[in-house]
Amino acid sequence: MKPLRTLLVDDERLARARLRRLLSTEKSVNVVAEARSVAEALDILRHEDIDIIFLDIEMPGGSGFELFKAWNGDAAVVFVTAFDSFALRAFEVNAVDYLVKPVHPERLTK
């Protein structure tokens, strides 16, 4: 099976780095791009074929939910956030999962 082309979207550099490090042990995942904002993510999504997006919710300049309003792609979305209060809304927009920071490696593998 071909690895999933993955986009990490989080305004915190250290959060992206940690998630990238955790995902590096997964043979089924290939992180091909990172974005610090919804605007950067949209630009990447226009030019890259992405299978899965790990998406933060609270970011300066726009929330992860705004990505859904501006983009019509079919990549799977996993929200990764410090807030558990957005879980219901995340599943209402068809997220495939919802991870609360700090992400535990065992939970990420599932």
C-alpha atoms as a PDB file:
ATOM      1  CA  MET A   1       0.000   0.000   0.000  1.00  0.00           C
ATOM      2  CA  LYS A   2       1.215   3.483  -0.873  1.00  0.00           C
ATOM      3  CA  PRO A   3       1.833   5.767   2.158  1.00  0.00           C
ATOM      4  CA  LEU A   4      -0.815   8.399   2.859  1.00  0.00           C
ATOM      5  CA  ARG A   5       0.280  11.838   1.660  1.00  0.00           C
ATOM      6  CA  THR A   6      -0.106  13.939   4.776  1.00  0.00           C
ATOM      7  CA  LEU A   7      -0.430  17.651   5.540  1.00  0.00           C
ATOM      8  CA  LEU A   8       0.168  19.021   9.056  1.00  0.00           C
ATOM      9  CA  VAL A   9      -1.626  22.302   9.859  1.00  0.00           C
ATOM     10  CA  ASP A  10      -0.786  24.005  13.157  1.00  0.00           C
ATOM     11  CA  ASP A  11       0.382  27.508  13.977  1.00  0.00           C
ATOM     12  CA  GLU A  12       2.780  26.157  16.623  1.00  0.00           C
ATOM     13  CA  ARG A  13       6.097  25.033  15.130  1.00  0.00           C
ATOM     14  CA  LEU A  14       6.861  22.739  18.062  1.00  0.00           C
ATOM     15  CA  ALA A  15       3.461  21.055  17.788  1.00  0.00           C
ATOM     16  CA  ARG A  16       4.082  20.374  14.082  1.00  0.00           C
ATOM     17  CA  ALA A  17       7.572  19.062  14.831  1.00  0.00           C
ATOM     18  CA  ARG A  18       6.290  16.714  17.550  1.00  0.00           C
ATOM     19  CA  LEU A  19       3.503  15.385  15.351  1.00  0.00           C
ATOM     20  CA  ARG A  20       5.930  14.913  12.457  1.00  0.00           C
ATOM     21  CA  ARG A  21       8.269  12.999  14.763  1.00  0.00           C
ATOM     22  CA  LEU A  22       5.431  10.772  16.014  1.00  0.00           C
ATOM     23  CA  LEU A  23       4.204  10.111  12.481  1.00  0.00           C
ATOM     24  CA  SER A  24       7.712   9.287  11.235  1.00  0.00           C
ATOM     25  CA  THR A  25       7.411   5.847  12.838  1.00  0.00           C
ATOM     26  CA  GLU A  26       4.290   5.058  10.811  1.00  0.00           C
ATOM     27  CA  LYS A  27       5.182   3.397   7.515  1.00  0.00           C
ATOM     28  CA  SER A  28       1.716   4.134   6.155  1.00  0.00           C
ATOM     29  CA  VAL A  29       2.197   7.922   6.485  1.00  0.00           C
ATOM     30  CA  ASN A  30       4.349  10.310   4.478  1.00  0.00           C
ATOM     31  CA  VAL A  31       4.289  13.938   5.677  1.00  0.00           C
ATOM     32  CA  VAL A  32       4.650  15.928   2.460  1.00  0.00           C
ATOM     33  CA  ALA A  33       3.847  19.437   3.711  1.00  0.00           C
ATOM     34  CA  GLU A  34       3.259  21.651   6.723  1.00  0.00           C
ATOM     35  CA  ALA A  35       1.234  24.842   7.100  1.00  0.00           C
ATOM     36  CA  ARG A  36       1.024  27.457   9.865  1.00  0.00           C
ATOM     37  CA  SER A  37      -2.410  28.748   8.917  1.00  0.00           C
ATOM     38  CA  VAL A  38      -5.585  27.994   7.021  1.00  0.00           C
ATOM     39  CA  ALA A  39      -4.384  30.256   4.182  1.00  0.00           C
ATOM     40  CA  GLU A  40      -1.119  28.316   3.844  1.00  0.00           C
ATOM     41  CA  ALA A  41      -3.011  25.015   4.008  1.00  0.00           C
ATOM     42  CA  LEU A  42      -5.363  26.102   1.223  1.00  0.00           C
ATOM     43  CA  ASP A  43      -2.410  27.051  -0.960  1.00  0.00           C
ATOM     44  CA  ILE A  44      -0.817  23.643  -0.396  1.00  0.00           C
ATOM     45  CA  LEU A  45      -4.101  21.826  -1.058  1.00  0.00           C
ATOM     46  CA  ARG A  46      -4.390  23.604  -4.421  1.00  0.00           C
ATOM     47  CA  HIS A  47      -1.008  22.219  -5.500  1.00  0.00           C
ATOM     48  CA  GLU A  48      -0.576  18.900  -3.693  1.00  0.00           C
ATOM     49  CA  ASP A  49      -2.543  15.679  -3.721  1.00  0.00           C
ATOM     50  CA  ILE A  50      -3.174  15.138   0.008  1.00  0.00           C
ATOM     51  CA  ASP A  51      -4.802  12.036   1.523  1.00  0.00           C
ATOM     52  CA  ILE A  52      -5.009  13.104   5.166  1.00  0.00           C
ATOM     53  CA  ILE A  53      -4.793  16.400   7.065  1.00  0.00           C
ATOM     54  CA  PHE A  54      -3.863  16.698  10.734  1.00  0.00           C
ATOM     55  CA  LEU A  55      -5.527  20.001  11.559  1.00  0.00           C
ATOM     56  CA  ASP A  56      -5.385  22.298  14.585  1.00  0.00           C
ATOM     57  CA  ILE A  57      -8.524  24.286  15.382  1.00  0.00           C
ATOM     58  CA  GLU A  58      -7.461  27.495  17.123  1.00  0.00           C
ATOM     59  CA  MET A  59      -4.998  29.426  14.933  1.00  0.00           C
ATOM     60  CA  PRO A  60      -4.388  33.132  14.340  1.00  0.00           C
ATOM     61  CA  GLY A  61      -6.073  34.281  11.143  1.00  0.00           C
ATOM     62  CA  GLY A  62      -8.670  31.519  11.060  1.00  0.00           C
ATOM     63  CA  SER A  63      -9.818  28.298  12.663  1.00  0.00           C
ATOM     64  CA  GLY A  64      -9.456  24.823  11.292  1.00  0.00           C
ATOM     65  CA  PHE A  65     -13.208  24.802  10.700  1.00  0.00           C
ATOM     66  CA  GLU A  66     -12.759  27.642   8.201  1.00  0.00           C
ATOM     67  CA  LEU A  67     -10.709  25.273   6.076  1.00  0.00           C
ATOM     68  CA  PHE A  68     -13.898  23.265   5.494  1.00  0.00           C
ATOM     69  CA  LYS A  69     -15.772  26.370   4.354  1.00  0.00           C
ATOM     70  CA  ALA A  70     -13.088  27.320   1.827  1.00  0.00           C
ATOM     71  CA  TRP A  71     -12.055  23.898   0.504  1.00  0.00           C
ATOM     72  CA  ASN A  72     -13.967  21.164  -1.317  1.00  0.00           C
ATOM     73  CA  GLY A  73     -11.383  18.387  -1.287  1.00  0.00           C
ATOM     74  CA  ASP A  74     -11.769  14.810  -0.195  1.00  0.00           C
ATOM     75  CA  ALA A  75      -8.805  14.298   2.130  1.00  0.00           C
ATOM     76  CA  ALA A  76      -9.555  12.743   5.500  1.00  0.00           C
ATOM     77  CA  VAL A  77      -9.229  15.171   8.407  1.00  0.00           C
ATOM     78  CA  VAL A  78      -8.000  14.446  11.911  1.00  0.00           C
ATOM     79  CA  PHE A  79      -8.343  17.381  14.265  1.00  0.00           C
ATOM     80  CA  VAL A  80      -5.446  17.802  16.689  1.00  0.00           C
ATOM     81  CA  THR A  81      -6.156  20.398  19.341  1.00  0.00           C
ATOM     82  CA  ALA A  82      -5.722  21.316  22.982  1.00  0.00           C
ATOM     83  CA  PHE A  83      -9.482  21.760  23.372  1.00  0.00           C
ATOM     84  CA  ASP A  84     -11.864  18.861  23.864  1.00  0.00           C
ATOM     85  CA  SER A  85     -14.885  21.165  23.556  1.00  0.00           C
ATOM     86  CA  PHE A  86     -14.847  21.141  19.735  1.00  0.00           C
ATOM     87  CA  ALA A  87     -15.155  17.361  19.326  1.00  0.00           C
ATOM     88  CA  LEU A  88     -18.853  17.272  18.474  1.00  0.00           C
ATOM     89  CA  ARG A  89     -18.485  20.037  15.893  1.00  0.00           C
ATOM     90  CA  ALA A  90     -15.478  18.224  14.388  1.00  0.00           C
ATOM     91  CA  PHE A  91     -17.503  15.087  13.775  1.00  0.00           C
ATOM     92  CA  GLU A  92     -20.373  17.167  12.399  1.00  0.00           C
ATOM     93  CA  VAL A  93     -18.031  18.252   9.590  1.00  0.00           C
ATOM     94  CA  ASN A  94     -17.033  14.611   9.030  1.00  0.00           C
ATOM     95  CA  ALA A  95     -13.629  14.517  10.690  1.00  0.00           C
ATOM     96  CA  VAL A  96     -12.326  10.951  10.870  1.00  0.00           C
ATOM     97  CA  ASP A  97     -10.821  11.481  14.327  1.00  0.00           C
ATOM     98  CA  TYR A  98     -10.186  14.012  17.060  1.00  0.00           C
ATOM     99  CA  LEU A  99      -6.940  14.002  19.052  1.00  0.00           C
ATOM    100  CA  VAL A 100      -6.321  16.126  22.126  1.00  0.00           C
ATOM    101  CA  LYS A 101      -2.828  17.559  22.678  1.00  0.00           C
ATOM    102  CA  PRO A 102      -0.450  16.339  23.818  1.00  0.00           C
ATOM    103  CA  VAL A 103      -0.995  13.471  21.416  1.00  0.00           C
ATOM    104  CA  HIS A 104      -0.002  10.112  22.811  1.00  0.00           C
ATOM    105  CA  PRO A 105       1.799   7.815  20.345  1.00  0.00           C
ATOM    106  CA  GLU A 106      -0.509   4.859  21.051  1.00  0.00           C
ATOM    107  CA  ARG A 107      -3.606   6.954  20.339  1.00  0.00           C
ATOM    108  CA  LEU A 108      -2.095   8.333  17.156  1.00  0.00           C
ATOM    109  CA  THR A 109      -1.343   4.831  15.885  1.00  0.00           C
ATOM    110  CA  LYS A 110      -5.019   3.874  16.265  1.00  0.00           C
END
